[in-house]
N, C-alpha and C. Protein backbone atom coordinates (compact mmCIF):
# COMPACT_ATOMS: atom_id res chain seq x y z
N UNK A 1 20.89 -1.17 0.94
CA UNK A 1 19.99 -2.30 0.92
C UNK A 1 20.57 -3.34 -0.03
N UNK A 2 20.54 -4.58 0.36
CA UNK A 2 21.02 -5.68 -0.46
C UNK A 2 19.82 -6.50 -0.91
N UNK A 3 19.78 -6.80 -2.20
CA UNK A 3 18.68 -7.59 -2.76
C UNK A 3 19.20 -8.93 -3.24
N UNK A 4 18.47 -9.96 -2.97
CA UNK A 4 18.85 -11.29 -3.45
C UNK A 4 18.48 -11.42 -4.92
N UNK A 5 19.37 -11.97 -5.71
CA UNK A 5 19.14 -12.11 -7.14
C UNK A 5 19.07 -13.57 -7.57
N UNK A 6 18.86 -14.49 -6.65
CA UNK A 6 18.88 -15.89 -7.00
C UNK A 6 17.50 -16.47 -7.27
N UNK A 7 16.44 -15.72 -7.16
CA UNK A 7 15.09 -16.21 -7.41
C UNK A 7 14.74 -15.96 -8.88
N UNK A 8 14.74 -17.03 -9.68
CA UNK A 8 14.47 -16.88 -11.10
C UNK A 8 13.01 -17.17 -11.46
N UNK A 9 12.22 -17.60 -10.48
CA UNK A 9 10.82 -17.86 -10.73
C UNK A 9 10.06 -16.54 -10.82
N UNK A 10 9.01 -16.48 -11.65
CA UNK A 10 8.22 -15.25 -11.70
C UNK A 10 7.56 -15.00 -10.35
N UNK A 11 7.50 -13.75 -9.97
CA UNK A 11 6.94 -13.37 -8.69
C UNK A 11 5.51 -12.88 -8.89
N UNK A 12 4.60 -13.47 -8.12
CA UNK A 12 3.22 -13.03 -8.14
C UNK A 12 3.10 -11.91 -7.12
N UNK A 13 2.91 -10.68 -7.58
CA UNK A 13 2.85 -9.52 -6.70
C UNK A 13 1.65 -8.69 -7.06
N UNK A 14 0.63 -8.71 -6.20
CA UNK A 14 -0.60 -7.99 -6.51
C UNK A 14 -1.39 -7.73 -5.24
N UNK A 15 -2.47 -6.97 -5.40
CA UNK A 15 -3.37 -6.66 -4.30
C UNK A 15 -4.79 -6.91 -4.76
N UNK A 16 -5.70 -7.02 -3.79
CA UNK A 16 -7.10 -7.25 -4.14
C UNK A 16 -7.83 -5.96 -4.53
N UNK A 17 -7.21 -4.80 -4.35
CA UNK A 17 -7.80 -3.52 -4.76
C UNK A 17 -6.73 -2.63 -5.37
N UNK A 18 -7.15 -1.61 -6.11
CA UNK A 18 -6.18 -0.63 -6.62
C UNK A 18 -6.60 0.80 -6.30
N UNK A 19 -7.73 0.94 -5.56
CA UNK A 19 -8.21 2.27 -5.24
C UNK A 19 -9.03 2.22 -3.95
N UNK A 20 -8.91 3.28 -3.15
CA UNK A 20 -9.73 3.44 -1.95
C UNK A 20 -10.40 4.79 -2.03
N UNK A 21 -11.71 4.81 -1.84
CA UNK A 21 -12.47 6.06 -1.72
C UNK A 21 -13.06 6.07 -0.33
N UNK A 22 -12.87 7.18 0.39
CA UNK A 22 -13.27 7.22 1.78
C UNK A 22 -13.82 8.61 2.12
N UNK A 23 -14.68 8.66 3.11
CA UNK A 23 -15.28 9.92 3.54
C UNK A 23 -14.31 10.79 4.33
N UNK A 24 -14.75 11.98 4.65
CA UNK A 24 -13.92 12.97 5.34
C UNK A 24 -13.50 12.52 6.74
N UNK A 25 -14.28 11.65 7.37
CA UNK A 25 -13.92 11.20 8.73
C UNK A 25 -12.75 10.22 8.73
N UNK A 26 -12.37 9.71 7.56
CA UNK A 26 -11.26 8.77 7.47
C UNK A 26 -11.68 7.38 7.93
N UNK A 27 -10.73 6.57 8.31
CA UNK A 27 -11.04 5.23 8.78
C UNK A 27 -9.98 4.23 8.39
N UNK A 28 -10.34 2.96 8.50
CA UNK A 28 -9.41 1.87 8.24
C UNK A 28 -9.97 0.97 7.16
N UNK A 29 -9.12 0.53 6.25
CA UNK A 29 -9.47 -0.43 5.23
C UNK A 29 -8.46 -1.56 5.25
N UNK A 30 -8.91 -2.76 4.92
CA UNK A 30 -8.01 -3.91 4.81
C UNK A 30 -7.65 -4.10 3.35
N UNK A 31 -6.39 -4.41 3.11
CA UNK A 31 -5.89 -4.67 1.76
C UNK A 31 -5.12 -5.98 1.81
N UNK A 32 -5.43 -6.90 0.91
CA UNK A 32 -4.71 -8.17 0.80
C UNK A 32 -3.56 -8.00 -0.19
N UNK A 33 -2.35 -8.25 0.27
CA UNK A 33 -1.17 -8.24 -0.59
C UNK A 33 -0.78 -9.69 -0.86
N UNK A 34 -0.58 -10.02 -2.12
CA UNK A 34 -0.13 -11.35 -2.51
C UNK A 34 1.26 -11.23 -3.09
N UNK A 35 2.20 -11.95 -2.51
CA UNK A 35 3.58 -11.86 -2.94
C UNK A 35 4.31 -13.16 -2.64
N UNK A 36 5.30 -13.47 -3.44
CA UNK A 36 6.18 -14.60 -3.18
C UNK A 36 7.46 -14.15 -2.49
N UNK A 37 7.64 -12.86 -2.32
CA UNK A 37 8.89 -12.30 -1.80
C UNK A 37 8.61 -11.30 -0.69
N UNK A 38 9.67 -10.66 -0.26
CA UNK A 38 9.56 -9.57 0.71
C UNK A 38 9.06 -8.32 0.01
N UNK A 39 8.37 -7.48 0.75
CA UNK A 39 7.84 -6.23 0.21
C UNK A 39 7.89 -5.15 1.27
N UNK A 40 7.83 -3.90 0.80
CA UNK A 40 7.83 -2.73 1.67
C UNK A 40 6.72 -1.80 1.20
N UNK A 41 5.93 -1.28 2.14
CA UNK A 41 4.89 -0.31 1.82
C UNK A 41 5.41 1.09 2.12
N UNK A 42 5.02 2.06 1.29
CA UNK A 42 5.47 3.43 1.53
C UNK A 42 4.47 4.44 0.96
N UNK A 43 4.50 5.62 1.52
CA UNK A 43 3.73 6.76 1.02
C UNK A 43 4.40 8.03 1.50
N UNK A 44 4.20 9.11 0.77
CA UNK A 44 4.70 10.42 1.19
C UNK A 44 3.60 11.21 1.90
N UNK A 45 2.39 10.68 1.89
CA UNK A 45 1.26 11.38 2.50
C UNK A 45 1.24 11.16 4.01
N UNK A 46 1.32 12.22 4.80
CA UNK A 46 1.33 12.06 6.25
C UNK A 46 -0.01 11.61 6.82
N UNK A 47 -1.06 11.65 6.02
CA UNK A 47 -2.40 11.27 6.49
C UNK A 47 -2.76 9.82 6.17
N UNK A 48 -1.80 9.07 5.61
CA UNK A 48 -2.00 7.65 5.29
C UNK A 48 -0.96 6.82 6.04
N UNK A 49 -1.43 5.77 6.72
CA UNK A 49 -0.53 4.85 7.42
C UNK A 49 -0.82 3.43 6.95
N UNK A 50 0.22 2.65 6.70
CA UNK A 50 0.07 1.26 6.30
C UNK A 50 0.71 0.39 7.38
N UNK A 51 -0.05 -0.61 7.83
CA UNK A 51 0.46 -1.49 8.88
C UNK A 51 0.08 -2.94 8.56
N UNK A 52 1.01 -3.86 8.47
CA UNK A 52 2.44 -3.64 8.65
C UNK A 52 3.04 -2.92 7.44
N UNK A 53 4.14 -2.24 7.65
CA UNK A 53 4.77 -1.47 6.59
C UNK A 53 5.73 -2.31 5.76
N UNK A 54 5.96 -3.56 6.16
CA UNK A 54 6.79 -4.46 5.37
C UNK A 54 6.45 -5.88 5.78
N UNK A 55 6.86 -6.81 4.94
CA UNK A 55 6.57 -8.21 5.25
C UNK A 55 7.16 -9.12 4.20
N UNK A 56 6.86 -10.39 4.34
CA UNK A 56 7.30 -11.39 3.37
C UNK A 56 6.12 -12.30 3.09
N UNK A 57 5.85 -12.51 1.83
CA UNK A 57 4.72 -13.35 1.45
C UNK A 57 3.41 -12.57 1.46
N UNK A 58 2.33 -13.29 1.47
CA UNK A 58 1.00 -12.68 1.40
C UNK A 58 0.49 -12.36 2.80
N UNK A 59 -0.18 -11.23 2.90
CA UNK A 59 -0.74 -10.81 4.19
C UNK A 59 -1.82 -9.76 3.98
N UNK A 60 -2.61 -9.51 5.02
CA UNK A 60 -3.57 -8.42 5.01
C UNK A 60 -2.95 -7.24 5.73
N UNK A 61 -3.07 -6.07 5.13
CA UNK A 61 -2.56 -4.84 5.72
C UNK A 61 -3.72 -3.93 6.08
N UNK A 62 -3.54 -3.17 7.14
CA UNK A 62 -4.49 -2.12 7.51
C UNK A 62 -4.02 -0.82 6.89
N UNK A 63 -4.92 -0.16 6.17
CA UNK A 63 -4.66 1.16 5.63
C UNK A 63 -5.46 2.12 6.51
N UNK A 64 -4.77 2.99 7.22
CA UNK A 64 -5.42 3.91 8.14
C UNK A 64 -5.33 5.31 7.55
N UNK A 65 -6.49 5.94 7.39
CA UNK A 65 -6.58 7.25 6.76
C UNK A 65 -7.12 8.23 7.79
N UNK A 66 -6.33 9.27 8.08
CA UNK A 66 -6.73 10.29 9.04
C UNK A 66 -7.93 11.07 8.54
N UNK A 67 -8.63 11.73 9.45
CA UNK A 67 -9.75 12.58 9.05
C UNK A 67 -9.22 13.81 8.30
N UNK A 68 -10.04 14.30 7.39
CA UNK A 68 -9.67 15.46 6.58
C UNK A 68 -9.81 16.73 7.40
N UNK A 69 -8.90 17.67 7.21
CA UNK A 69 -8.94 18.94 7.92
C UNK A 69 -9.57 20.05 7.09
N UNK A 70 -9.64 19.86 5.79
CA UNK A 70 -10.18 20.87 4.88
C UNK A 70 -11.45 20.36 4.21
N UNK A 71 -12.18 21.26 3.58
CA UNK A 71 -13.43 20.90 2.92
C UNK A 71 -13.23 20.58 1.44
N UNK A 72 -12.02 20.25 1.05
CA UNK A 72 -11.74 19.88 -0.34
C UNK A 72 -11.24 18.44 -0.38
N UNK A 73 -11.52 17.77 -1.49
CA UNK A 73 -11.03 16.40 -1.65
C UNK A 73 -9.51 16.41 -1.67
N UNK A 74 -8.94 15.30 -1.23
CA UNK A 74 -7.50 15.14 -1.35
C UNK A 74 -7.21 13.77 -1.96
N UNK A 75 -6.09 13.73 -2.68
CA UNK A 75 -5.70 12.53 -3.42
C UNK A 75 -4.25 12.21 -3.10
N UNK A 76 -3.97 10.96 -3.00
CA UNK A 76 -2.58 10.52 -2.88
C UNK A 76 -2.53 9.03 -3.16
N UNK A 77 -1.37 8.45 -3.00
CA UNK A 77 -1.17 7.03 -3.27
C UNK A 77 -0.25 6.44 -2.22
N UNK A 78 -0.30 5.12 -2.10
CA UNK A 78 0.74 4.43 -1.38
C UNK A 78 1.17 3.26 -2.24
N UNK A 79 2.34 2.74 -1.94
CA UNK A 79 3.00 1.80 -2.83
C UNK A 79 3.46 0.57 -2.06
N UNK A 80 3.31 -0.57 -2.69
CA UNK A 80 3.92 -1.80 -2.21
C UNK A 80 5.04 -2.12 -3.19
N UNK A 81 6.24 -2.20 -2.69
CA UNK A 81 7.41 -2.43 -3.52
C UNK A 81 7.96 -3.82 -3.24
N UNK A 82 8.00 -4.70 -4.25
CA UNK A 82 8.60 -6.02 -4.12
C UNK A 82 10.11 -5.85 -4.10
N UNK A 83 10.75 -6.27 -3.03
CA UNK A 83 12.18 -6.01 -2.88
C UNK A 83 13.06 -6.87 -3.78
N UNK A 84 12.55 -7.98 -4.27
CA UNK A 84 13.34 -8.85 -5.16
C UNK A 84 13.30 -8.38 -6.60
N UNK A 85 12.12 -7.97 -7.06
CA UNK A 85 11.97 -7.59 -8.47
C UNK A 85 11.89 -6.09 -8.67
N UNK A 86 11.77 -5.33 -7.61
CA UNK A 86 11.54 -3.89 -7.60
C UNK A 86 10.21 -3.51 -8.27
N UNK A 87 9.34 -4.48 -8.48
CA UNK A 87 8.00 -4.20 -9.00
C UNK A 87 7.24 -3.38 -7.97
N UNK A 88 6.45 -2.42 -8.44
CA UNK A 88 5.68 -1.55 -7.55
C UNK A 88 4.21 -1.70 -7.86
N UNK A 89 3.42 -1.89 -6.81
CA UNK A 89 1.97 -1.94 -6.93
C UNK A 89 1.43 -0.69 -6.25
N UNK A 90 0.66 0.11 -6.99
CA UNK A 90 0.16 1.40 -6.50
C UNK A 90 -1.31 1.30 -6.16
N UNK A 91 -1.69 1.87 -5.02
CA UNK A 91 -3.09 1.98 -4.64
C UNK A 91 -3.38 3.46 -4.42
N UNK A 92 -4.35 3.99 -5.18
CA UNK A 92 -4.71 5.40 -5.12
C UNK A 92 -5.81 5.61 -4.07
N UNK A 93 -5.73 6.75 -3.38
CA UNK A 93 -6.71 7.08 -2.35
C UNK A 93 -7.34 8.43 -2.68
N UNK A 94 -8.66 8.47 -2.61
CA UNK A 94 -9.42 9.71 -2.73
C UNK A 94 -10.20 9.88 -1.44
N UNK A 95 -10.04 11.04 -0.80
CA UNK A 95 -10.77 11.30 0.43
C UNK A 95 -11.60 12.56 0.27
N UNK A 96 -12.89 12.45 0.64
CA UNK A 96 -13.78 13.60 0.62
C UNK A 96 -13.30 14.64 1.63
N UNK A 97 -13.62 15.89 1.37
CA UNK A 97 -13.25 16.96 2.29
C UNK A 97 -14.40 17.38 3.15
């Protein structure tokens, strides 16, 4: 991956939320990402999907959370990574079981 290093202006990189709490049935949540640069969303949790998974500038993303298969809560996170500054914005997810 090649990163551009010519942007010396501070990058505004944030989201309108930092946590999602959702019931066992799962569902979809909207998240507003604010950025001056390109970004990539990622997670290691197979039950969380972010769409779009990358972009440039500010946009609304859909966070899709699968239904829970067990009767215990589960926790994980997904990340928005600014590709110019490598800054990471984390959003934590708690799902009822």
